[in-house]
């Protein structure tokens, strides 16, 4: 049996990419001459700090606003992440209380609900973790007539839920409606392809 008969086209494409060395693309790593003073923030203090592995971005957030955080725009205007399945970021809680850090990946016209996807991680003081934001695509829609149905089945019909992976313009790192100050570092933000499925996988 041909391998193309055993996997859907998307799964096969991602599997090939994972095996080709194109498993990740670094979006931000805060190394080199990165200038933390240029980061646009809301109700936060941003600084670059040295770590065992290089540098990370430290965010000290207040709780005077509902969504304290920072924007990290695509340096060249946009990223084409159509070959990838998720965006991840390394996070460490360097504060004194538990924090939930969120990472939002935006296409144009993102508003927190439409044209974006969000992942999060909950961390106790001193703990590290990984935020994973799955790159769920928007539905392109299907121009078909429906009879006796209230709406389109999932995966059909136009929808702005999800994003345009070919046109990712911004990353937002934030804390949602905090009732206390928080401190955390973020590093190694990258787009990833998942590991290739085994040949006997059922998909």
Protein backbone atom coordinates (compact mmCIF):
# COMPACT_ATOMS: atom_id res chain seq x y z
CA UNK A 1 0.00 0.00 0.00
CA UNK A 2 1.28 3.46 -0.87
CA UNK A 3 2.04 5.65 2.16
CA UNK A 4 -0.24 8.31 0.69
CA UNK A 5 -3.14 5.89 1.15
CA UNK A 6 -2.40 5.51 4.86
CA UNK A 7 -2.33 9.16 5.96
CA UNK A 8 -4.46 12.22 5.18
CA UNK A 9 -2.63 14.84 3.04
CA UNK A 10 -2.09 17.23 5.98
CA UNK A 11 -0.69 14.52 8.26
CA UNK A 12 1.56 13.29 5.48
CA UNK A 13 2.82 16.82 4.77
CA UNK A 14 3.66 17.42 8.44
CA UNK A 15 5.32 14.03 8.71
CA UNK A 16 7.54 14.79 5.72
CA UNK A 17 8.49 18.17 7.15
CA UNK A 18 9.31 16.65 10.53
CA UNK A 19 11.65 14.17 8.85
CA UNK A 20 13.29 16.76 6.60
CA UNK A 21 14.98 18.83 9.31
CA UNK A 22 12.31 21.56 9.06
CA UNK A 23 10.90 20.74 12.50
CA UNK A 24 11.02 24.26 13.98
CA UNK A 25 11.47 27.91 13.10
CA UNK A 26 12.64 30.36 15.76
CA UNK A 27 10.41 33.42 15.93
CA UNK A 28 12.03 35.16 18.95
CA UNK A 29 14.98 34.14 21.12
CA UNK A 30 16.07 37.54 22.56
CA UNK A 31 19.74 36.93 21.76
CA UNK A 32 22.23 39.18 19.96
CA UNK A 33 21.40 42.88 19.96
CA UNK A 34 17.72 42.47 20.88
CA UNK A 35 16.54 45.70 22.57
CA UNK A 36 13.95 45.10 25.29
CA UNK A 37 13.27 48.86 25.43
CA UNK A 38 11.58 48.60 22.02
CA UNK A 39 8.99 46.07 23.19
CA UNK A 40 5.47 47.50 23.32
CA UNK A 41 3.90 46.70 26.68
CA UNK A 42 0.74 47.35 28.69
CA UNK A 43 0.95 47.65 32.48
CA UNK A 44 4.26 45.77 32.52
CA UNK A 45 7.97 46.37 32.96
CA UNK A 46 10.10 44.56 30.36
CA UNK A 47 13.80 43.75 30.62
CA UNK A 48 16.27 41.33 29.08
CA UNK A 49 17.96 39.03 31.59
CA UNK A 50 20.82 36.55 31.31
CA UNK A 51 20.07 32.86 31.82
CA UNK A 52 22.14 29.68 31.80
CA UNK A 53 21.41 29.28 28.10
CA UNK A 54 21.75 32.89 26.95
CA UNK A 55 19.10 35.58 27.35
CA UNK A 56 15.37 35.70 28.05
CA UNK A 57 12.77 38.42 28.32
CA UNK A 58 11.57 39.20 31.84
CA UNK A 59 8.07 40.58 32.28
CA UNK A 60 6.98 42.14 35.57
CA UNK A 61 3.25 42.69 35.29
CA UNK A 62 1.01 44.84 37.46
CA UNK A 63 -2.72 44.38 37.90
CA UNK A 64 -4.08 47.81 37.05
CA UNK A 65 -5.44 46.56 33.71
CA UNK A 66 -7.34 43.45 32.66
CA UNK A 67 -4.78 42.26 30.10
CA UNK A 68 -1.23 43.31 31.06
CA UNK A 69 1.28 42.03 28.53
CA UNK A 70 3.47 42.68 25.51
CA UNK A 71 3.34 42.56 21.71
CA UNK A 72 6.03 40.86 19.64
CA UNK A 73 5.31 41.72 16.00
CA UNK A 74 6.75 39.81 13.05
CA UNK A 75 10.02 41.63 12.22
CA UNK A 76 9.40 41.48 8.45
CA UNK A 77 5.69 42.28 8.68
CA UNK A 78 4.40 38.71 8.82
CA UNK A 79 5.40 35.07 9.22
CA UNK A 80 4.21 32.32 6.89
CA UNK A 81 3.61 29.47 9.35
CA UNK A 82 1.50 27.36 7.01
CA UNK A 83 4.04 24.51 7.26
CA UNK A 84 3.76 24.36 11.05
CA UNK A 85 1.26 23.03 13.56
CA UNK A 86 1.88 25.05 16.72
CA UNK A 87 3.84 27.87 18.36
CA UNK A 88 5.59 27.20 21.66
CA UNK A 89 7.42 29.32 24.22
CA UNK A 90 9.57 28.50 27.24
CA UNK A 91 8.33 30.24 30.41
CA UNK A 92 9.63 30.43 33.97
CA UNK A 93 7.80 31.88 36.97
CA UNK A 94 10.33 34.07 38.81
CA UNK A 95 7.69 35.65 41.06
CA UNK A 96 6.32 34.76 44.48
CA UNK A 97 2.86 33.57 43.45
CA UNK A 98 1.27 31.25 40.92
CA UNK A 99 0.81 32.70 37.44
CA UNK A 100 -1.02 31.70 34.26
CA UNK A 101 0.84 33.04 31.24
CA UNK A 102 -0.89 33.15 27.87
CA UNK A 103 0.52 33.29 24.34
CA UNK A 104 -1.75 34.56 21.56
CA UNK A 105 -0.84 34.17 17.88
CA UNK A 106 -2.51 36.78 15.65
CA UNK A 107 -3.48 37.14 12.02
CA UNK A 108 -4.69 40.56 10.81
CA UNK A 109 -7.84 41.84 12.58
CA UNK A 110 -7.28 39.60 15.62
CA UNK A 111 -9.44 40.65 18.56
CA UNK A 112 -8.80 37.91 21.12
CA UNK A 113 -11.59 35.71 19.76
CA UNK A 114 -11.44 35.78 15.96
CA UNK A 115 -8.38 35.54 13.70
CA UNK A 116 -6.13 34.26 16.49
CA UNK A 117 -5.31 31.25 18.66
CA UNK A 118 -4.18 31.19 22.29
CA UNK A 119 -2.33 28.77 24.55
CA UNK A 120 -1.42 29.01 28.23
CA UNK A 121 0.60 27.45 31.01
CA UNK A 122 0.04 27.55 34.80
CA UNK A 123 3.21 27.79 36.88
CA UNK A 124 3.93 27.74 40.60
CA UNK A 125 6.73 30.00 41.89
CA UNK A 126 10.13 28.89 40.62
CA UNK A 127 8.68 26.45 38.08
CA UNK A 128 9.26 26.35 34.31
CA UNK A 129 6.97 25.17 31.54
CA UNK A 130 6.01 25.44 27.90
CA UNK A 131 3.09 27.33 26.39
CA UNK A 132 1.65 25.64 23.31
CA UNK A 133 -0.66 27.51 20.95
CA UNK A 134 -2.05 25.14 18.31
CA UNK A 135 -2.26 26.81 14.89
CA UNK A 136 -5.91 26.05 14.25
CA UNK A 137 -6.82 27.26 10.75
CA UNK A 138 -9.87 29.30 9.83
CA UNK A 139 -12.52 27.47 7.83
CA UNK A 140 -12.55 28.60 4.21
CA UNK A 141 -16.22 27.70 3.93
CA UNK A 142 -18.17 25.66 1.47
CA UNK A 143 -20.65 27.19 -0.92
CA UNK A 144 -23.34 24.54 -0.68
CA UNK A 145 -27.05 24.82 -0.10
CA UNK A 146 -28.43 23.56 3.19
CA UNK A 147 -31.94 22.22 3.56
CA UNK A 148 -33.57 21.56 6.91
CA UNK A 149 -30.42 22.52 8.86
CA UNK A 150 -29.86 25.40 11.25
CA UNK A 151 -26.19 25.82 10.28
CA UNK A 152 -23.14 24.29 8.69
CA UNK A 153 -21.50 21.15 10.10
CA UNK A 154 -18.14 21.71 11.76
CA UNK A 155 -15.47 22.39 9.15
CA UNK A 156 -17.95 23.80 6.64
CA UNK A 157 -19.15 27.33 6.13
CA UNK A 158 -17.19 30.55 6.60
CA UNK A 159 -15.61 31.12 10.00
CA UNK A 160 -13.13 33.57 11.51
CA UNK A 161 -12.37 31.20 14.38
CA UNK A 162 -8.72 30.23 14.14
CA UNK A 163 -6.18 32.12 12.05
CA UNK A 164 -4.58 32.50 8.64
CA UNK A 165 -1.35 30.57 9.16
CA UNK A 166 0.15 32.08 6.01
CA UNK A 167 -0.17 35.56 7.49
CA UNK A 168 0.77 35.65 11.18
CA UNK A 169 1.57 39.23 12.15
CA UNK A 170 1.95 39.37 15.93
CA UNK A 171 2.47 37.45 19.16
CA UNK A 172 0.89 38.62 22.41
CA UNK A 173 2.22 37.44 25.79
CA UNK A 174 -0.12 38.37 28.62
CA UNK A 175 -1.81 37.63 31.93
CA UNK A 176 -5.62 37.64 32.00
CA UNK A 177 -7.41 39.77 34.60
CA UNK A 178 -4.81 39.36 37.37
CA UNK A 179 -5.54 40.29 40.96
CA UNK A 180 -1.84 40.47 41.89
CA UNK A 181 1.52 41.41 40.40
CA UNK A 182 3.47 38.67 38.58
CA UNK A 183 7.02 38.15 37.34
CA UNK A 184 8.06 35.63 34.69
CA UNK A 185 10.54 35.12 31.88
CA UNK A 186 9.82 33.99 28.34
CA UNK A 187 12.25 32.57 25.81
CA UNK A 188 12.66 30.41 22.70
CA UNK A 189 9.40 31.23 20.93
CA UNK A 190 9.22 29.00 17.88
CA UNK A 191 6.89 27.41 15.34
CA UNK A 192 7.01 23.63 15.39
CA UNK A 193 6.01 20.59 13.38
CA UNK A 194 4.91 17.62 15.52
CA UNK A 195 6.88 14.35 15.34
CA UNK A 196 6.04 12.14 12.38
CA UNK A 197 3.36 9.53 13.20
CA UNK A 198 4.53 5.88 13.20
CA UNK A 199 3.78 3.97 10.02
CA UNK A 200 1.18 1.84 11.80
CA UNK A 201 -0.67 4.85 13.27
CA UNK A 202 -4.42 5.03 12.75
CA UNK A 203 -5.48 8.49 11.53
